[in-house]
Amino acid sequence: MTKLQIRAFLYQLGCFAILFISVRYLVASYTHLTGFWIPVTAFVVATLVAPKFKAIRTQDGEKLFMKWIFMKGVREIG
């Protein structure tokens, strides 16, 4: 794995973790779900909402790109 692929993986993991923990807390606090359904709901929401990062090799070298459901198109990072 290249340096940018590792960075993309860490960015994606960090975003997912932050969203998962936040949604898990909100679901546990404000809904009547119990037990197994709290982390399952948080997992599904975090998976759908978290931005996707990918390192792609182009003619100019390897670049890091991000796609997010709340943004139109793909954005180059750094």
PDB file of N, CA and C in Angstrom:
ATOM      1  N   MET A   1       0.842  -1.187   0.000  1.00  0.00           N
ATOM      2  CA  MET A   1       0.000   0.000   0.000  1.00  0.00           C
ATOM      3  C   MET A   1       0.883   1.245   0.000  1.00  0.00           C
ATOM      4  N   THR A   2       0.438   2.228  -0.744  1.00  0.00           N
ATOM      5  CA  THR A   2       1.179   3.475  -0.794  1.00  0.00           C
ATOM      6  C   THR A   2       0.767   4.384   0.361  1.00  0.00           C
ATOM      7  N   LYS A   3       1.514   5.458   0.498  1.00  0.00           N
ATOM      8  CA  LYS A   3       1.256   6.410   1.576  1.00  0.00           C
ATOM      9  C   LYS A   3      -0.141   7.030   1.454  1.00  0.00           C
ATOM     10  N   LEU A   4      -0.550   7.378   0.239  1.00  0.00           N
ATOM     11  CA  LEU A   4      -1.875   7.974   0.049  1.00  0.00           C
ATOM     12  C   LEU A   4      -3.001   6.967   0.272  1.00  0.00           C
ATOM     13  N   GLN A   5      -2.778   5.712  -0.055  1.00  0.00           N
ATOM     14  CA  GLN A   5      -3.798   4.696   0.215  1.00  0.00           C
ATOM     15  C   GLN A   5      -3.997   4.511   1.715  1.00  0.00           C
ATOM     16  N   ILE A   6      -2.902   4.557   2.461  1.00  0.00           N
ATOM     17  CA  ILE A   6      -3.002   4.449   3.924  1.00  0.00           C
ATOM     18  C   ILE A   6      -3.709   5.675   4.490  1.00  0.00           C
ATOM     19  N   ARG A   7      -3.391   6.861   3.957  1.00  0.00           N
ATOM     20  CA  ARG A   7      -4.038   8.079   4.421  1.00  0.00           C
ATOM     21  C   ARG A   7      -5.538   8.042   4.113  1.00  0.00           C
ATOM     22  N   ALA A   8      -5.902   7.562   2.927  1.00  0.00           N
ATOM     23  CA  ALA A   8      -7.321   7.448   2.566  1.00  0.00           C
ATOM     24  C   ALA A   8      -8.038   6.491   3.510  1.00  0.00           C
ATOM     25  N   PHE A   9      -7.401   5.368   3.818  1.00  0.00           N
ATOM     26  CA  PHE A   9      -7.999   4.401   4.753  1.00  0.00           C
ATOM     27  C   PHE A   9      -8.194   5.017   6.137  1.00  0.00           C
ATOM     28  N   LEU A  10      -7.198   5.738   6.620  1.00  0.00           N
ATOM     29  CA  LEU A  10      -7.305   6.348   7.945  1.00  0.00           C
ATOM     30  C   LEU A  10      -8.356   7.451   7.981  1.00  0.00           C
ATOM     31  N   TYR A  11      -8.445   8.265   6.917  1.00  0.00           N
ATOM     32  CA  TYR A  11      -9.488   9.288   6.853  1.00  0.00           C
ATOM     33  C   TYR A  11     -10.871   8.649   6.871  1.00  0.00           C
ATOM     34  N   GLN A  12     -11.046   7.604   6.078  1.00  0.00           N
ATOM     35  CA  GLN A  12     -12.343   6.935   6.009  1.00  0.00           C
ATOM     36  C   GLN A  12     -12.694   6.285   7.344  1.00  0.00           C
ATOM     37  N   LEU A  13     -11.725   5.646   7.974  1.00  0.00           N
ATOM     38  CA  LEU A  13     -11.952   5.029   9.282  1.00  0.00           C
ATOM     39  C   LEU A  13     -12.299   6.073  10.331  1.00  0.00           C
ATOM     40  N   GLY A  14     -11.580   7.188  10.334  1.00  0.00           N
ATOM     41  CA  GLY A  14     -11.843   8.251  11.306  1.00  0.00           C
ATOM     42  C   GLY A  14     -13.222   8.861  11.142  1.00  0.00           C
ATOM     43  N   CYS A  15     -13.595   9.156   9.901  1.00  0.00           N
ATOM     44  CA  CYS A  15     -14.929   9.728   9.650  1.00  0.00           C
ATOM     45  C   CYS A  15     -16.032   8.757  10.051  1.00  0.00           C
ATOM     46  N   PHE A  16     -15.848   7.483   9.697  1.00  0.00           N
ATOM     47  CA  PHE A  16     -16.848   6.487  10.067  1.00  0.00           C
ATOM     48  C   PHE A  16     -16.964   6.375  11.583  1.00  0.00           C
ATOM     49  N   ALA A  17     -15.826   6.339  12.277  1.00  0.00           N
ATOM     50  CA  ALA A  17     -15.845   6.182  13.734  1.00  0.00           C
ATOM     51  C   ALA A  17     -16.543   7.357  14.412  1.00  0.00           C
ATOM     52  N   ILE A  18     -16.242   8.563  13.965  1.00  0.00           N
ATOM     53  CA  ILE A  18     -16.869   9.751  14.561  1.00  0.00           C
ATOM     54  C   ILE A  18     -18.383   9.719  14.343  1.00  0.00           C
ATOM     55  N   LEU A  19     -18.795   9.409  13.125  1.00  0.00           N
ATOM     56  CA  LEU A  19     -20.229   9.341  12.840  1.00  0.00           C
ATOM     57  C   LEU A  19     -20.908   8.199  13.584  1.00  0.00           C
ATOM     58  N   PHE A  20     -20.257   7.040  13.634  1.00  0.00           N
ATOM     59  CA  PHE A  20     -20.844   5.884  14.325  1.00  0.00           C
ATOM     60  C   PHE A  20     -21.076   6.186  15.796  1.00  0.00           C
ATOM     61  N   ILE A  21     -20.071   6.736  16.472  1.00  0.00           N
ATOM     62  CA  ILE A  21     -20.204   7.035  17.902  1.00  0.00           C
ATOM     63  C   ILE A  21     -21.272   8.100  18.133  1.00  0.00           C
ATOM     64  N   SER A  22     -21.291   9.127  17.284  1.00  0.00           N
ATOM     65  CA  SER A  22     -22.291  10.192  17.431  1.00  0.00           C
ATOM     66  C   SER A  22     -23.706   9.668  17.220  1.00  0.00           C
ATOM     67  N   VAL A  23     -23.898   8.916  16.146  1.00  0.00           N
ATOM     68  CA  VAL A  23     -25.234   8.393  15.843  1.00  0.00           C
ATOM     69  C   VAL A  23     -25.664   7.378  16.896  1.00  0.00           C
ATOM     70  N   ARG A  24     -24.738   6.576  17.381  1.00  0.00           N
ATOM     71  CA  ARG A  24     -25.079   5.589  18.414  1.00  0.00           C
ATOM     72  C   ARG A  24     -25.592   6.290  19.675  1.00  0.00           C
ATOM     73  N   TYR A  25     -24.910   7.362  20.062  1.00  0.00           N
ATOM     74  CA  TYR A  25     -25.349   8.131  21.229  1.00  0.00           C
ATOM     75  C   TYR A  25     -26.729   8.751  20.988  1.00  0.00           C
ATOM     76  N   LEU A  26     -26.930   9.348  19.813  1.00  0.00           N
ATOM     77  CA  LEU A  26     -28.216   9.986  19.517  1.00  0.00           C
ATOM     78  C   LEU A  26     -29.349   8.965  19.449  1.00  0.00           C
ATOM     79  N   VAL A  27     -29.093   7.826  18.842  1.00  0.00           N
ATOM     80  CA  VAL A  27     -30.128   6.792  18.755  1.00  0.00           C
ATOM     81  C   VAL A  27     -30.468   6.262  20.145  1.00  0.00           C
ATOM     82  N   ALA A  28     -29.458   6.036  20.971  1.00  0.00           N
ATOM     83  CA  ALA A  28     -29.706   5.522  22.317  1.00  0.00           C
ATOM     84  C   ALA A  28     -30.455   6.543  23.179  1.00  0.00           C
ATOM     85  N   SER A  29     -30.168   7.824  22.959  1.00  0.00           N
ATOM     86  CA  SER A  29     -30.780   8.863  23.795  1.00  0.00           C
ATOM     87  C   SER A  29     -32.192   9.250  23.359  1.00  0.00           C
ATOM     88  N   TYR A  30     -32.439   9.278  22.049  1.00  0.00           N
ATOM     89  CA  TYR A  30     -33.676   9.885  21.566  1.00  0.00           C
ATOM     90  C   TYR A  30     -34.648   8.927  20.885  1.00  0.00           C
ATOM     91  N   THR A  31     -34.354   7.642  20.861  1.00  0.00           N
ATOM     92  CA  THR A  31     -35.308   6.691  20.297  1.00  0.00           C
ATOM     93  C   THR A  31     -35.613   5.614  21.329  1.00  0.00           C
ATOM     94  N   HIS A  32     -36.579   4.786  21.020  1.00  0.00           N
ATOM     95  CA  HIS A  32     -36.952   3.708  21.928  1.00  0.00           C
ATOM     96  C   HIS A  32     -36.333   2.379  21.519  1.00  0.00           C
ATOM     97  N   LEU A  33     -35.303   2.437  20.676  1.00  0.00           N
ATOM     98  CA  LEU A  33     -34.621   1.205  20.283  1.00  0.00           C
ATOM     99  C   LEU A  33     -33.806   0.668  21.450  1.00  0.00           C
ATOM    100  N   THR A  34     -33.687  -0.651  21.528  1.00  0.00           N
ATOM    101  CA  THR A  34     -32.917  -1.261  22.612  1.00  0.00           C
ATOM    102  C   THR A  34     -32.043  -2.372  22.057  1.00  0.00           C
ATOM    103  N   GLY A  35     -31.048  -2.730  22.822  1.00  0.00           N
ATOM    104  CA  GLY A  35     -30.205  -3.882  22.533  1.00  0.00           C
ATOM    105  C   GLY A  35     -29.464  -3.810  21.222  1.00  0.00           C
ATOM    106  N   PHE A  36     -29.624  -4.850  20.421  1.00  0.00           N
ATOM    107  CA  PHE A  36     -28.914  -5.058  19.168  1.00  0.00           C
ATOM    108  C   PHE A  36     -29.189  -3.977  18.125  1.00  0.00           C
ATOM    109  N   TRP A  37     -30.364  -3.346  18.185  1.00  0.00           N
ATOM    110  CA  TRP A  37     -30.766  -2.403  17.145  1.00  0.00           C
ATOM    111  C   TRP A  37     -30.054  -1.065  17.219  1.00  0.00           C
ATOM    112  N   ILE A  38     -29.549  -0.683  18.364  1.00  0.00           N
ATOM    113  CA  ILE A  38     -28.851   0.597  18.485  1.00  0.00           C
ATOM    114  C   ILE A  38     -27.570   0.605  17.646  1.00  0.00           C
ATOM    115  N   PRO A  39     -26.634  -0.350  17.826  1.00  0.00           N
ATOM    116  CA  PRO A  39     -25.432  -0.315  16.991  1.00  0.00           C
ATOM    117  C   PRO A  39     -25.693  -0.634  15.517  1.00  0.00           C
ATOM    118  N   VAL A  40     -26.709  -1.444  15.224  1.00  0.00           N
ATOM    119  CA  VAL A  40     -27.029  -1.748  13.827  1.00  0.00           C
ATOM    120  C   VAL A  40     -27.504  -0.485  13.110  1.00  0.00           C
ATOM    121  N   THR A  41     -28.376   0.272  13.754  1.00  0.00           N
ATOM    122  CA  THR A  41     -28.863   1.529  13.170  1.00  0.00           C
ATOM    123  C   THR A  41     -27.725   2.521  12.999  1.00  0.00           C
ATOM    124  N   ALA A  42     -26.858   2.632  13.996  1.00  0.00           N
ATOM    125  CA  ALA A  42     -25.718   3.542  13.905  1.00  0.00           C
ATOM    126  C   ALA A  42     -24.771   3.121  12.788  1.00  0.00           C
ATOM    127  N   PHE A  43     -24.553   1.822  12.615  1.00  0.00           N
ATOM    128  CA  PHE A  43     -23.682   1.326  11.552  1.00  0.00           C
ATOM    129  C   PHE A  43     -24.225   1.682  10.174  1.00  0.00           C
ATOM    130  N   VAL A  44     -25.508   1.458   9.964  1.00  0.00           N
ATOM    131  CA  VAL A  44     -26.111   1.729   8.662  1.00  0.00           C
ATOM    132  C   VAL A  44     -26.063   3.221   8.339  1.00  0.00           C
ATOM    133  N   VAL A  45     -26.420   4.055   9.302  1.00  0.00           N
ATOM    134  CA  VAL A  45     -26.413   5.502   9.080  1.00  0.00           C
ATOM    135  C   VAL A  45     -24.989   5.996   8.823  1.00  0.00           C
ATOM    136  N   ALA A  46     -24.034   5.558   9.626  1.00  0.00           N
ATOM    137  CA  ALA A  46     -22.647   6.002   9.446  1.00  0.00           C
ATOM    138  C   ALA A  46     -22.076   5.525   8.118  1.00  0.00           C
ATOM    139  N   THR A  47     -22.440   4.327   7.685  1.00  0.00           N
ATOM    140  CA  THR A  47     -21.961   3.823   6.401  1.00  0.00           C
ATOM    141  C   THR A  47     -22.504   4.653   5.247  1.00  0.00           C
ATOM    142  N   LEU A  48     -23.752   5.056   5.324  1.00  0.00           N
ATOM    143  CA  LEU A  48     -24.352   5.833   4.246  1.00  0.00           C
ATOM    144  C   LEU A  48     -23.902   7.286   4.234  1.00  0.00           C
ATOM    145  N   VAL A  49     -23.644   7.861   5.397  1.00  0.00           N
ATOM    146  CA  VAL A  49     -23.362   9.291   5.492  1.00  0.00           C
ATOM    147  C   VAL A  49     -21.865   9.607   5.429  1.00  0.00           C
ATOM    148  N   ALA A  50     -21.006   8.697   5.805  1.00  0.00           N
ATOM    149  CA  ALA A  50     -19.562   8.958   5.845  1.00  0.00           C
ATOM    150  C   ALA A  50     -19.003   9.208   4.450  1.00  0.00           C
ATOM    151  N   PRO A  51     -18.087  10.159   4.314  1.00  0.00           N
ATOM    152  CA  PRO A  51     -17.458  10.400   3.008  1.00  0.00           C
ATOM    153  C   PRO A  51     -16.550   9.234   2.616  1.00  0.00           C
ATOM    154  N   LYS A  52     -16.405   9.040   1.306  1.00  0.00           N
ATOM    155  CA  LYS A  52     -15.558   7.968   0.782  1.00  0.00           C
ATOM    156  C   LYS A  52     -14.263   8.582   0.252  1.00  0.00           C
ATOM    157  N   PHE A  53     -13.129   8.050   0.674  1.00  0.00           N
ATOM    158  CA  PHE A  53     -11.820   8.517   0.241  1.00  0.00           C
ATOM    159  C   PHE A  53     -11.155   7.446  -0.602  1.00  0.00           C
ATOM    160  N   LYS A  54     -10.425   7.878  -1.645  1.00  0.00           N
ATOM    161  CA  LYS A  54      -9.748   6.929  -2.505  1.00  0.00           C
ATOM    162  C   LYS A  54      -8.502   7.560  -3.108  1.00  0.00           C
ATOM    163  N   ALA A  55      -7.403   6.796  -3.127  1.00  0.00           N
ATOM    164  CA  ALA A  55      -6.162   7.226  -3.764  1.00  0.00           C
ATOM    165  C   ALA A  55      -6.137   6.637  -5.170  1.00  0.00           C
ATOM    166  N   ILE A  56      -6.005   7.518  -6.173  1.00  0.00           N
ATOM    167  CA  ILE A  56      -6.035   7.091  -7.567  1.00  0.00           C
ATOM    168  C   ILE A  56      -4.773   7.569  -8.260  1.00  0.00           C
ATOM    169  N   ARG A  57      -4.199   6.676  -9.063  1.00  0.00           N
ATOM    170  CA  ARG A  57      -3.004   7.006  -9.832  1.00  0.00           C
ATOM    171  C   ARG A  57      -3.428   7.714 -11.116  1.00  0.00           C
ATOM    172  N   THR A  58      -2.946   8.949 -11.322  1.00  0.00           N
ATOM    173  CA  THR A  58      -3.254   9.725 -12.517  1.00  0.00           C
ATOM    174  C   THR A  58      -1.964   9.982 -13.285  1.00  0.00           C
ATOM    175  N   GLN A  59      -2.065  10.734 -14.386  1.00  0.00           N
ATOM    176  CA  GLN A  59      -0.881  11.079 -15.167  1.00  0.00           C
ATOM    177  C   GLN A  59       0.058  11.988 -14.389  1.00  0.00           C
ATOM    178  N   ASP A  60      -0.480  12.782 -13.489  1.00  0.00           N
ATOM    179  CA  ASP A  60       0.317  13.697 -12.669  1.00  0.00           C
ATOM    180  C   ASP A  60       0.861  13.034 -11.412  1.00  0.00           C
ATOM    181  N   GLY A  61       0.612  11.759 -11.227  1.00  0.00           N
ATOM    182  CA  GLY A  61       1.020  11.043 -10.018  1.00  0.00           C
ATOM    183  C   GLY A  61      -0.208  10.601  -9.239  1.00  0.00           C
ATOM    184  N   GLU A  62       0.019  10.068  -8.063  1.00  0.00           N
ATOM    185  CA  GLU A  62      -1.089   9.581  -7.243  1.00  0.00           C
ATOM    186  C   GLU A  62      -1.743  10.746  -6.505  1.00  0.00           C
ATOM    187  N   LYS A  63      -3.080  10.759  -6.507  1.00  0.00           N
ATOM    188  CA  LYS A  63      -3.832  11.833  -5.852  1.00  0.00           C
ATOM    189  C   LYS A  63      -4.920  11.229  -4.979  1.00  0.00           C
ATOM    190  N   LEU A  64      -5.334  12.002  -3.991  1.00  0.00           N
ATOM    191  CA  LEU A  64      -6.358  11.581  -3.047  1.00  0.00           C
ATOM    192  C   LEU A  64      -7.663  12.303  -3.376  1.00  0.00           C
ATOM    193  N   PHE A  65      -8.748  11.534  -3.522  1.00  0.00           N
ATOM    194  CA  PHE A  65     -10.050  12.091  -3.852  1.00  0.00           C
ATOM    195  C   PHE A  65     -11.071  11.716  -2.794  1.00  0.00           C
ATOM    196  N   MET A  66     -12.112  12.583  -2.684  1.00  0.00           N
ATOM    197  CA  MET A  66     -13.180  12.352  -1.721  1.00  0.00           C
ATOM    198  C   MET A  66     -14.525  12.524  -2.411  1.00  0.00           C
ATOM    199  N   LYS A  67     -15.449  11.629  -2.104  1.00  0.00           N
ATOM    200  CA  LYS A  67     -16.833  11.740  -2.577  1.00  0.00           C
ATOM    201  C   LYS A  67     -17.735  11.658  -1.363  1.00  0.00           C
ATOM    202  N   TRP A  68     -18.703  12.578  -1.322  1.00  0.00           N
ATOM    203  CA  TRP A  68     -19.598  12.625  -0.179  1.00  0.00           C
ATOM    204  C   TRP A  68     -21.012  12.843  -0.663  1.00  0.00           C
ATOM    205  N   ILE A  69     -21.965  12.289   0.044  1.00  0.00           N
ATOM    206  CA  ILE A  69     -23.363  12.355  -0.355  1.00  0.00           C
ATOM    207  C   ILE A  69     -23.883  13.800  -0.337  1.00  0.00           C
ATOM    208  N   PHE A  70     -23.290  14.665   0.480  1.00  0.00           N
ATOM    209  CA  PHE A  70     -23.753  16.041   0.616  1.00  0.00           C
ATOM    210  C   PHE A  70     -23.042  17.010  -0.322  1.00  0.00           C
ATOM    211  N   MET A  71     -22.104  16.505  -1.140  1.00  0.00           N
ATOM    212  CA  MET A  71     -21.383  17.337  -2.113  1.00  0.00           C
ATOM    213  C   MET A  71     -21.622  16.789  -3.505  1.00  0.00           C
ATOM    214  N   LYS A  72     -21.696  17.682  -4.456  1.00  0.00           N
ATOM    215  CA  LYS A  72     -21.897  17.259  -5.833  1.00  0.00           C
ATOM    216  C   LYS A  72     -20.524  16.968  -6.447  1.00  0.00           C
ATOM    217  N   GLY A  73     -20.370  15.808  -7.022  1.00  0.00           N
ATOM    218  CA  GLY A  73     -19.129  15.464  -7.702  1.00  0.00           C
ATOM    219  C   GLY A  73     -18.074  14.927  -6.749  1.00  0.00           C
ATOM    220  N   VAL A  74     -16.857  14.850  -7.294  1.00  0.00           N
ATOM    221  CA  VAL A  74     -15.709  14.331  -6.552  1.00  0.00           C
ATOM    222  C   VAL A  74     -14.734  15.469  -6.317  1.00  0.00           C
ATOM    223  N   ARG A  75     -14.161  15.541  -5.134  1.00  0.00           N
ATOM    224  CA  ARG A  75     -13.243  16.629  -4.788  1.00  0.00           C
ATOM    225  C   ARG A  75     -11.845  16.067  -4.530  1.00  0.00           C
ATOM    226  N   GLU A  76     -10.851  16.762  -5.080  1.00  0.00           N
ATOM    227  CA  GLU A  76      -9.460  16.358  -4.839  1.00  0.00           C
ATOM    228  C   GLU A  76      -9.008  16.916  -3.495  1.00  0.00           C
ATOM    229  N   ILE A  77      -8.353  16.084  -2.706  1.00  0.00           N
ATOM    230  CA  ILE A  77      -7.859  16.479  -1.387  1.00  0.00           C
ATOM    231  C   ILE A  77      -6.345  16.641  -1.500  1.00  0.00           C
ATOM    232  N   GLY A  78      -5.848  17.788  -1.146  1.00  0.00           N
ATOM    233  CA  GLY A  78      -4.406  18.040  -1.120  1.00  0.00           C
ATOM    234  C   GLY A  78      -3.746  17.878  -2.403  1.00  0.00           C
TER     235      GLY A  78
END
